[in-house]
N, C-alpha and C. Protein backbone atom coordinates (compact mmCIF):
# COMPACT_ATOMS: atom_id res chain seq x y z
N UNK A 1 -2.57 55.87 53.32
CA UNK A 1 -4.03 55.38 53.36
C UNK A 1 -3.89 53.64 53.69
N UNK A 2 -4.80 53.06 54.79
CA UNK A 2 -4.20 51.89 54.70
C UNK A 2 -5.53 51.24 53.80
N UNK A 3 -5.30 50.01 53.10
CA UNK A 3 -6.57 49.46 52.64
C UNK A 3 -7.54 48.41 53.16
N UNK A 4 -6.92 48.18 54.58
CA UNK A 4 -7.66 47.81 55.73
C UNK A 4 -7.81 48.22 56.66
N UNK A 5 -8.63 47.92 57.68
CA UNK A 5 -8.65 48.54 58.97
C UNK A 5 -7.74 47.58 60.16
N UNK A 6 -7.86 47.97 61.55
CA UNK A 6 -7.09 47.40 62.21
C UNK A 6 -7.32 45.48 62.55
N UNK A 7 -8.54 45.42 62.02
CA UNK A 7 -8.62 44.00 62.27
C UNK A 7 -8.51 43.34 60.62
N UNK A 8 -8.05 43.63 59.99
CA UNK A 8 -7.90 43.23 58.39
C UNK A 8 -9.41 43.32 57.71
N UNK A 9 -10.38 43.62 57.65
CA UNK A 9 -11.43 43.89 57.06
C UNK A 9 -11.38 45.56 56.54
N UNK A 10 -11.95 45.73 55.09
CA UNK A 10 -12.04 47.14 54.54
C UNK A 10 -13.34 47.60 55.20
N UNK A 11 -13.24 48.87 55.61
CA UNK A 11 -14.83 49.39 56.39
C UNK A 11 -15.76 49.09 55.66
N UNK A 12 -15.18 50.05 54.15
CA UNK A 12 -15.86 50.25 53.06
C UNK A 12 -16.52 49.47 52.19
N UNK A 13 -15.71 47.68 52.41
CA UNK A 13 -16.21 46.89 51.73
C UNK A 13 -17.31 45.95 52.21
N UNK A 14 -18.40 45.67 51.60
CA UNK A 14 -19.26 44.60 52.48
C UNK A 14 -19.33 43.38 51.94
N UNK A 15 -18.20 42.90 52.04
CA UNK A 15 -17.94 41.26 51.48
C UNK A 15 -19.03 40.12 52.94
N UNK A 16 -19.06 39.38 52.35
CA UNK A 16 -20.25 38.60 53.06
C UNK A 16 -19.49 37.21 53.29
N UNK A 17 -18.31 36.55 53.00
CA UNK A 17 -17.43 35.74 52.74
C UNK A 17 -16.12 36.47 53.26
N UNK A 18 -15.53 35.59 53.67
CA UNK A 18 -14.07 35.54 54.33
C UNK A 18 -13.57 36.28 53.10
N UNK A 19 -12.27 37.40 52.79
CA UNK A 19 -11.40 38.14 52.29
C UNK A 19 -10.47 38.52 52.49
N UNK A 20 -9.21 38.20 50.94
CA UNK A 20 -7.71 38.39 51.42
C UNK A 20 -7.82 39.73 50.51
N UNK A 21 -6.46 40.05 50.90
CA UNK A 21 -6.02 41.30 50.11
C UNK A 21 -5.94 41.57 48.76
N UNK A 22 -5.63 40.36 48.11
CA UNK A 22 -6.42 39.94 46.37
C UNK A 22 -7.39 40.53 46.12
N UNK A 23 -8.22 40.26 46.78
CA UNK A 23 -9.87 40.09 46.69
C UNK A 23 -9.89 42.02 46.72
N UNK A 24 -9.62 42.47 48.05
CA UNK A 24 -10.28 43.61 48.23
C UNK A 24 -9.27 44.61 47.27
N UNK A 25 -8.10 44.38 46.62
CA UNK A 25 -7.61 44.99 45.62
C UNK A 25 -8.42 44.76 44.50
N UNK A 26 -8.97 43.78 44.12
CA UNK A 26 -9.96 43.13 42.81
C UNK A 26 -10.71 44.41 43.37
N UNK A 27 -11.54 44.73 44.40
CA UNK A 27 -12.55 45.45 44.55
C UNK A 27 -12.59 46.60 44.24
N UNK A 28 -10.94 47.17 44.90
CA UNK A 28 -10.81 48.63 44.51
C UNK A 28 -10.60 48.58 42.82
N UNK A 29 -9.88 47.90 42.32
CA UNK A 29 -9.84 48.01 41.07
C UNK A 29 -11.06 48.24 40.00
N UNK A 30 -11.97 47.37 40.42
CA UNK A 30 -13.65 47.50 40.21
C UNK A 30 -14.39 48.96 40.41
N UNK A 31 -13.63 49.55 41.62
CA UNK A 31 -14.48 50.79 41.52
C UNK A 31 -13.49 51.87 40.87
N UNK A 32 -12.74 51.70 40.72
CA UNK A 32 -11.45 52.36 39.93
C UNK A 32 -12.00 52.79 38.24
N UNK A 33 -12.11 51.39 37.54
CA UNK A 33 -12.67 51.24 36.22
C UNK A 33 -14.12 50.88 36.15
N UNK A 34 -14.33 50.36 36.83
CA UNK A 34 -16.48 49.91 36.80
C UNK A 34 -16.43 48.70 36.09
N UNK A 35 -14.99 48.19 35.87
CA UNK A 35 -15.57 46.58 35.54
C UNK A 35 -14.16 46.03 36.10
N UNK A 36 -14.20 44.51 35.66
CA UNK A 36 -12.87 43.87 36.49
C UNK A 36 -13.21 42.16 35.57
N UNK A 37 -11.88 41.63 34.92
CA UNK A 37 -12.27 40.50 34.06
C UNK A 37 -11.38 39.34 35.58
N UNK A 38 -11.98 38.74 36.45
CA UNK A 38 -11.53 37.49 37.32
C UNK A 38 -11.16 36.13 36.49
N UNK A 39 -10.00 35.65 36.26
CA UNK A 39 -9.68 34.85 35.68
C UNK A 39 -8.28 33.78 36.12
N UNK A 40 -7.96 33.02 35.81
CA UNK A 40 -7.34 31.78 36.22
C UNK A 40 -7.71 31.16 36.62
N UNK A 41 -6.87 29.88 36.72
CA UNK A 41 -7.21 28.35 36.77
C UNK A 41 -7.78 27.57 38.05
N UNK A 42 -8.03 26.78 37.10
CA UNK A 42 -9.38 26.40 38.54
C UNK A 42 -8.51 26.40 40.01
N UNK A 43 -9.13 26.72 41.07
CA UNK A 43 -9.00 26.31 42.39
C UNK A 43 -8.48 27.75 42.91
N UNK A 44 -8.22 28.62 42.56
CA UNK A 44 -7.97 29.77 42.75
C UNK A 44 -8.27 30.67 43.23
N UNK A 45 -9.73 30.72 43.78
CA UNK A 45 -10.48 31.69 44.63
C UNK A 45 -11.59 32.38 43.51
N UNK A 46 -11.62 32.27 41.89
CA UNK A 46 -12.38 33.25 41.36
C UNK A 46 -13.84 32.93 41.70
N UNK A 47 -14.35 31.80 42.31
CA UNK A 47 -15.41 31.99 42.71
C UNK A 47 -16.11 33.04 43.42
N UNK A 48 -15.09 32.53 44.61
CA UNK A 48 -15.21 33.02 46.00
C UNK A 48 -14.87 34.98 45.99
N UNK A 49 -13.96 35.32 45.02
CA UNK A 49 -13.81 36.46 45.00
C UNK A 49 -15.00 37.45 43.92
N UNK A 50 -15.40 36.23 43.13
CA UNK A 50 -16.69 37.16 42.30
C UNK A 50 -17.63 37.12 43.16
N UNK A 51 -18.06 36.25 43.99
CA UNK A 51 -19.24 36.01 44.92
C UNK A 51 -19.03 37.27 46.19
N UNK A 52 -17.81 37.32 46.62
CA UNK A 52 -17.76 38.75 47.38
C UNK A 52 -17.91 39.64 46.81
N UNK A 53 -17.95 40.04 45.63
CA UNK A 53 -18.15 41.29 44.28
C UNK A 53 -19.12 41.45 44.60
N UNK A 54 -19.84 40.23 44.20
CA UNK A 54 -21.91 40.39 44.14
C UNK A 54 -21.98 40.86 45.32
N UNK A 55 -21.58 40.43 46.37
CA UNK A 55 -22.34 40.67 47.70
C UNK A 55 -21.87 42.23 47.99
N UNK A 56 -21.03 42.28 47.74
CA UNK A 56 -20.70 44.11 48.18
C UNK A 56 -21.45 44.90 47.17
N UNK A 57 -21.43 44.68 45.92
CA UNK A 57 -21.96 45.65 45.05
C UNK A 57 -23.79 45.33 45.07
N UNK A 58 -24.36 44.48 45.48
CA UNK A 58 -25.89 44.39 45.67
C UNK A 58 -26.16 45.39 47.01
N UNK A 59 -24.84 45.02 48.23
CA UNK A 59 -25.46 45.36 49.44
C UNK A 59 -25.36 47.04 48.93
N UNK A 60 -24.83 47.70 47.65
CA UNK A 60 -24.29 49.30 47.88
C UNK A 60 -25.84 49.50 46.80
N UNK A 61 -26.27 48.52 46.54
CA UNK A 61 -27.46 48.67 45.53
C UNK A 61 -27.36 48.63 44.12
N UNK A 62 -26.28 48.15 43.39
CA UNK A 62 -26.27 48.17 42.35
C UNK A 62 -26.36 46.68 41.79
N UNK A 63 -26.38 47.16 40.13
CA UNK A 63 -26.59 45.86 39.49
C UNK A 63 -25.53 44.95 39.18
N UNK A 64 -26.16 43.69 39.25
CA UNK A 64 -24.50 42.88 38.88
C UNK A 64 -25.08 42.03 37.64
N UNK A 65 -23.88 42.10 36.56
CA UNK A 65 -24.09 41.03 35.46
C UNK A 65 -22.74 40.87 35.64
N UNK A 66 -22.64 39.03 35.34
CA UNK A 66 -22.02 37.93 35.42
C UNK A 66 -21.65 37.43 33.94
N UNK A 67 -21.22 37.03 33.10
CA UNK A 67 -20.89 35.78 31.84
C UNK A 67 -20.10 35.51 32.51
N UNK A 68 -20.49 34.42 31.57
CA UNK A 68 -19.10 32.98 31.58
C UNK A 68 -19.50 32.24 30.25
N UNK A 69 -18.36 31.59 29.38
CA UNK A 69 -18.77 30.90 28.56
C UNK A 69 -19.40 29.32 28.71
N UNK A 70 -19.69 28.94 29.93
CA UNK A 70 -20.29 27.86 30.35
C UNK A 70 -21.09 28.01 31.54
N UNK A 71 -22.31 27.10 31.29
CA UNK A 71 -23.14 26.99 32.75
C UNK A 71 -22.75 26.40 33.68
N UNK A 72 -21.63 25.85 33.53
CA UNK A 72 -21.10 24.72 35.23
C UNK A 72 -20.29 26.06 35.75
N UNK A 73 -19.72 27.05 34.81
CA UNK A 73 -19.47 28.43 35.62
C UNK A 73 -20.13 29.23 36.53
N UNK A 74 -21.30 28.87 35.57
CA UNK A 74 -21.86 30.24 36.54
C UNK A 74 -23.07 29.10 37.83
N UNK A 75 -23.44 28.00 37.39
CA UNK A 75 -23.53 27.05 38.43
C UNK A 75 -22.66 27.38 39.70
N UNK A 76 -21.25 27.27 39.45
CA UNK A 76 -20.47 26.76 40.75
C UNK A 76 -20.11 28.41 41.48
N UNK A 77 -20.66 29.06 40.74
CA UNK A 77 -20.36 30.90 40.96
C UNK A 77 -21.94 30.75 42.05
N UNK A 78 -22.65 30.56 41.31
CA UNK A 78 -24.67 30.69 42.18
C UNK A 78 -24.02 29.92 43.58
N UNK A 79 -23.20 28.85 43.74
CA UNK A 79 -23.28 28.24 44.52
C UNK A 79 -22.53 28.57 45.64
N UNK A 80 -21.18 29.64 45.22
CA UNK A 80 -20.57 30.51 46.24
C UNK A 80 -21.40 31.68 46.99
N UNK A 81 -22.01 32.19 45.51
CA UNK A 81 -23.30 33.25 46.76
C UNK A 81 -23.84 33.13 47.85
N UNK A 82 -24.14 34.22 48.77
CA UNK A 82 -24.51 33.84 50.12
C UNK A 82 -26.04 33.56 49.80
N UNK A 83 -26.66 32.61 50.48
CA UNK A 83 -27.80 31.98 50.57
C UNK A 83 -28.97 33.26 50.05
N UNK A 84 -28.82 34.08 51.19
CA UNK A 84 -30.04 35.13 51.11
C UNK A 84 -29.68 35.90 49.46
N UNK A 85 -29.02 36.04 48.66
CA UNK A 85 -28.96 36.36 47.51
C UNK A 85 -29.05 35.18 46.37
N UNK A 86 -29.17 34.59 47.05
CA UNK A 86 -28.80 33.00 45.65
C UNK A 86 -30.53 33.16 45.03
N UNK A 87 -31.29 33.37 45.56
CA UNK A 87 -32.52 33.51 44.88
C UNK A 87 -32.82 34.67 43.73
N UNK A 88 -31.68 35.69 43.70
CA UNK A 88 -31.75 36.90 42.84
C UNK A 88 -30.45 36.24 41.72
N UNK A 89 -29.82 35.43 41.98
CA UNK A 89 -29.04 35.03 40.70
C UNK A 89 -29.97 34.15 39.86
N UNK A 90 -29.63 34.55 38.75
CA UNK A 90 -30.07 33.61 37.40
C UNK A 90 -29.24 33.40 36.11
N UNK A 91 -28.46 31.95 35.86
CA UNK A 91 -27.96 31.66 35.05
C UNK A 91 -28.50 31.31 33.95
N UNK A 92 -28.65 32.15 32.61
CA UNK A 92 -29.23 31.56 31.26
C UNK A 92 -28.05 31.23 30.47
N UNK A 93 -28.47 30.11 29.77
CA UNK A 93 -27.78 29.96 28.45
C UNK A 93 -28.33 28.94 27.65
N UNK A 94 -28.68 29.47 26.45
CA UNK A 94 -29.25 28.48 25.69
C UNK A 94 -30.84 28.36 26.15
N UNK A 95 -31.26 27.15 25.86
CA UNK A 95 -32.08 25.91 26.31
C UNK A 95 -32.04 25.60 27.83
N UNK A 96 -31.29 26.48 28.43
CA UNK A 96 -30.92 25.99 29.90
C UNK A 96 -32.19 25.49 30.99
N UNK A 97 -33.16 24.44 31.25
CA UNK A 97 -34.09 24.63 31.92
C UNK A 97 -33.83 24.98 33.30
N UNK A 98 -32.60 24.54 34.35
CA UNK A 98 -32.52 25.24 35.48
C UNK A 98 -32.38 26.77 35.40
N UNK A 99 -31.96 27.29 34.68
CA UNK A 99 -31.66 29.06 34.11
C UNK A 99 -33.46 29.16 34.21
N UNK A 100 -33.85 28.50 33.72
CA UNK A 100 -35.27 29.57 33.86
C UNK A 100 -36.09 29.04 35.09
N UNK A 101 -35.83 28.12 35.61
CA UNK A 101 -36.50 27.47 36.77
C UNK A 101 -36.19 28.80 38.05
N UNK A 102 -34.97 29.39 37.69
CA UNK A 102 -33.93 30.18 38.79
C UNK A 102 -34.95 31.81 38.30
N UNK A 103 -34.91 31.82 37.67
CA UNK A 103 -35.59 32.89 36.92
C UNK A 103 -36.70 33.29 37.73
N UNK A 104 -37.58 31.99 37.17
CA UNK A 104 -39.07 32.03 37.83
C UNK A 104 -38.54 32.38 39.27
N UNK A 105 -37.82 31.64 40.23
CA UNK A 105 -37.77 31.51 41.82
C UNK A 105 -37.26 33.05 41.89
N UNK A 106 -36.27 33.57 41.35
CA UNK A 106 -36.03 35.19 41.44
C UNK A 106 -37.25 36.44 41.24
N UNK A 107 -38.02 36.02 40.38
CA UNK A 107 -39.30 37.12 39.78
C UNK A 107 -40.02 36.60 41.20
N UNK A 108 -40.29 35.63 41.84
CA UNK A 108 -41.08 35.13 42.99
C UNK A 108 -40.51 35.58 44.24
N UNK A 109 -39.35 35.96 44.45
CA UNK A 109 -38.41 36.37 45.37
C UNK A 109 -38.87 37.80 45.31
N UNK A 110 -38.52 38.16 44.32
CA UNK A 110 -38.47 40.10 44.21
C UNK A 110 -40.21 40.06 44.46
N UNK A 111 -40.83 39.50 43.94
CA UNK A 111 -42.54 40.00 44.10
C UNK A 111 -42.74 39.90 45.80
N UNK A 112 -42.22 38.94 46.22
CA UNK A 112 -42.64 38.67 47.58
C UNK A 112 -42.59 39.66 48.39
N UNK A 113 -40.53 39.59 48.04
CA UNK A 113 -39.89 40.99 49.10
C UNK A 113 -40.72 42.05 48.78
N UNK A 114 -40.87 42.63 47.58
CA UNK A 114 -41.68 43.53 47.54
C UNK A 114 -42.94 44.11 48.11
N UNK A 115 -43.83 42.93 47.98
CA UNK A 115 -45.28 43.07 48.27
C UNK A 115 -45.41 43.12 49.91
N UNK A 116 -44.08 42.10 50.56
CA UNK A 116 -44.48 42.26 51.95
C UNK A 116 -43.48 43.28 52.85
N UNK A 117 -42.91 44.24 52.61
CA UNK A 117 -42.41 45.00 52.98
C UNK A 117 -42.50 46.40 52.52
N UNK A 118 -42.34 47.41 54.03
CA UNK A 118 -42.41 48.45 53.89
C UNK A 118 -41.34 49.32 53.59
N UNK A 119 -41.40 50.63 52.89
CA UNK A 119 -40.02 51.24 52.79
C UNK A 119 -39.10 51.63 54.10
N UNK A 120 -40.44 51.78 55.33
CA UNK A 120 -39.64 52.51 56.44
C UNK A 120 -39.38 51.52 57.30
N UNK A 121 -39.80 50.44 57.01
CA UNK A 121 -39.30 49.01 58.12
C UNK A 121 -37.82 48.68 57.20
N UNK A 122 -38.16 48.41 55.80
CA UNK A 122 -36.48 48.18 55.16
C UNK A 122 -35.60 49.18 55.58
N UNK A 123 -35.90 50.52 55.70
CA UNK A 123 -34.92 51.38 56.14
C UNK A 123 -34.23 51.35 57.59
N UNK A 124 -34.95 51.16 58.62
CA UNK A 124 -34.97 51.06 60.16
C UNK A 124 -34.23 49.59 59.89
N UNK A 125 -34.30 48.77 59.17
CA UNK A 125 -33.95 47.04 59.40
C UNK A 125 -32.13 47.61 58.40
N UNK A 126 -31.80 48.35 58.13
CA UNK A 126 -30.55 48.47 57.34
C UNK A 126 -30.07 49.69 58.24
N UNK A 127 -30.41 50.46 59.18
CA UNK A 127 -29.94 50.95 59.84
C UNK A 127 -29.69 50.26 61.15
N UNK A 128 -29.98 49.37 61.68
CA UNK A 128 -30.23 48.48 62.52
C UNK A 128 -29.16 47.53 62.73
N UNK A 129 -28.83 46.91 60.94
CA UNK A 129 -27.90 46.53 60.58
C UNK A 129 -26.25 47.20 60.16
N UNK A 130 -26.23 48.19 60.11
CA UNK A 130 -25.37 49.28 60.20
C UNK A 130 -25.08 49.78 61.40
N UNK A 131 -25.91 49.40 62.17
CA UNK A 131 -24.90 49.88 63.72
C UNK A 131 -24.61 48.61 63.86
N UNK A 132 -25.08 47.79 64.10
CA UNK A 132 -24.55 46.06 64.52
C UNK A 132 -23.13 46.19 63.41
N UNK A 133 -23.06 46.19 62.51
CA UNK A 133 -21.56 46.13 61.98
C UNK A 133 -20.97 46.90 62.57
N UNK A 134 -20.97 48.40 63.02
CA UNK A 134 -20.33 48.98 63.17
C UNK A 134 -19.86 48.95 64.63
N UNK A 135 -20.57 48.44 65.52
CA UNK A 135 -20.50 48.07 66.77
C UNK A 135 -19.53 46.58 66.74
N UNK A 136 -19.90 45.57 65.98
CA UNK A 136 -19.04 44.37 65.75
C UNK A 136 -17.07 44.64 65.17
N UNK A 137 -17.56 45.84 64.14
CA UNK A 137 -16.23 46.13 63.71
C UNK A 137 -15.04 46.87 64.36
N UNK A 138 -16.18 48.02 65.85
CA UNK A 138 -15.61 48.47 66.82
C UNK A 138 -14.61 47.85 67.96
N UNK A 139 -15.75 46.39 68.48
CA UNK A 139 -15.11 45.57 69.13
C UNK A 139 -14.02 44.66 68.86
N UNK A 140 -13.82 44.09 67.57
CA UNK A 140 -13.02 43.39 66.49
C UNK A 140 -11.65 44.64 66.80
N UNK A 141 -11.42 45.99 66.61
CA UNK A 141 -10.73 46.60 66.57
C UNK A 141 -10.12 46.78 67.93
N UNK A 142 -10.75 46.62 69.01
CA UNK A 142 -10.70 46.74 70.08
C UNK A 142 -10.21 45.61 70.52
N UNK A 143 -10.44 44.59 70.43
CA UNK A 143 -9.88 43.28 70.65
C UNK A 143 -8.25 42.88 69.71
N UNK A 144 -8.70 43.47 68.51
CA UNK A 144 -7.15 43.39 68.07
C UNK A 144 -5.84 44.28 68.54
N UNK A 145 -6.53 45.12 69.04
CA UNK A 145 -5.67 46.48 69.80
C UNK A 145 -5.17 45.81 71.28
N UNK A 146 -5.83 44.84 72.54
CA UNK A 146 -5.83 44.52 72.97
C UNK A 146 -4.76 43.05 72.69
N UNK A 147 -5.08 42.24 71.81
CA UNK A 147 -3.68 41.63 71.43
C UNK A 147 -2.66 41.91 71.10
N UNK A 148 -2.55 42.90 70.61
CA UNK A 148 -1.45 43.61 69.28
C UNK A 148 -0.62 44.24 70.93
N UNK A 149 -1.40 44.82 72.01
CA UNK A 149 -0.50 45.36 73.36
C UNK A 149 0.21 43.83 74.17
N UNK A 150 -0.35 43.32 74.28
CA UNK A 150 -0.16 41.81 74.80
C UNK A 150 1.21 41.15 74.43
N UNK A 151 0.93 40.96 72.94
CA UNK A 151 2.03 40.46 72.57
C UNK A 151 3.21 41.86 72.33
N UNK A 152 3.08 42.79 72.51
CA UNK A 152 4.36 44.00 72.59
C UNK A 152 4.91 43.51 74.21
N UNK A 153 3.80 43.09 75.17
CA UNK A 153 4.05 42.77 76.30
C UNK A 153 5.11 41.76 76.62
N UNK A 154 4.69 41.14 75.47
CA UNK A 154 5.67 39.56 75.63
C UNK A 154 7.15 39.66 75.68
N UNK A 155 7.51 41.18 75.04
CA UNK A 155 8.99 41.32 74.67
C UNK A 155 9.94 42.65 75.52
N UNK A 156 8.52 43.20 76.80
CA UNK A 156 9.38 44.13 77.31
C UNK A 156 9.88 43.15 78.34
N UNK A 157 11.29 44.36 78.88
CA UNK A 157 11.78 43.73 79.73
C UNK A 157 10.81 43.66 81.57
N UNK A 158 11.89 42.44 82.11
CA UNK A 158 10.98 41.80 83.01
C UNK A 158 11.48 42.20 84.67
N UNK A 159 11.18 42.50 85.69
CA UNK A 159 11.84 43.16 86.62
C UNK A 159 12.14 41.89 87.60
N UNK A 160 12.98 41.26 87.38
CA UNK A 160 13.69 40.29 88.98
C UNK A 160 14.50 40.61 89.27
N UNK A 161 14.40 40.60 90.60
CA UNK A 161 15.24 40.90 92.38
C UNK A 161 15.86 42.29 91.93
N UNK A 162 15.10 43.34 91.30
CA UNK A 162 15.51 44.43 91.24
C UNK A 162 16.31 44.52 89.92
N UNK A 163 16.17 43.45 89.18
CA UNK A 163 16.99 43.98 88.02
C UNK A 163 16.09 43.47 86.58
N UNK A 164 17.00 44.36 85.33
CA UNK A 164 15.89 44.14 84.30
C UNK A 164 16.69 43.36 83.62
N UNK A 165 15.50 42.19 83.16
CA UNK A 165 15.75 40.76 82.37
C UNK A 165 15.36 41.10 81.07
N UNK A 166 15.72 40.92 79.77
CA UNK A 166 14.99 41.01 78.72
C UNK A 166 14.64 39.57 78.11
N UNK A 167 13.77 39.56 78.12
CA UNK A 167 12.88 38.19 77.68
C UNK A 167 13.21 37.52 76.68
N UNK A 168 13.54 38.57 75.46
CA UNK A 168 14.32 37.84 74.01
C UNK A 168 16.17 38.01 74.30
N UNK A 169 16.48 36.77 74.56
CA UNK A 169 17.76 36.70 74.62
C UNK A 169 18.61 35.83 73.50
């Protein structure tokens, strides 16, 4: 079974940001074991990977807890989370006033969303977005196949004056 579909996107993973194979493998490990630890030196993509996992899990309706020893790491991660989800991200450590402000913002966002939306309209919105995603992935797969065919044709023999000529010599 392929990990990625024809366009390099895992159809069952709802990443909000670009992903690489390692991030897909981390998501698979998370599905398998129920938890993962993402660690590594600065600049290796940890925050990007975790932000993708958060987006995917929230899109599935899961709750997410991310822990860190430092407020700075949580702030950096929050900056990587898609803007639509950011109000729901709260970083609380000790007497962190910014974290408390984030908590208040998250509560306001949740109350606003719950009080202004009806379940039926949210269900319709989800269906529309799922169909749009399906169509986009189908179009991307079709474009990928056309590109692949074109590239294969570059190496097909060419008929010149009745003689077959191999374009790759």
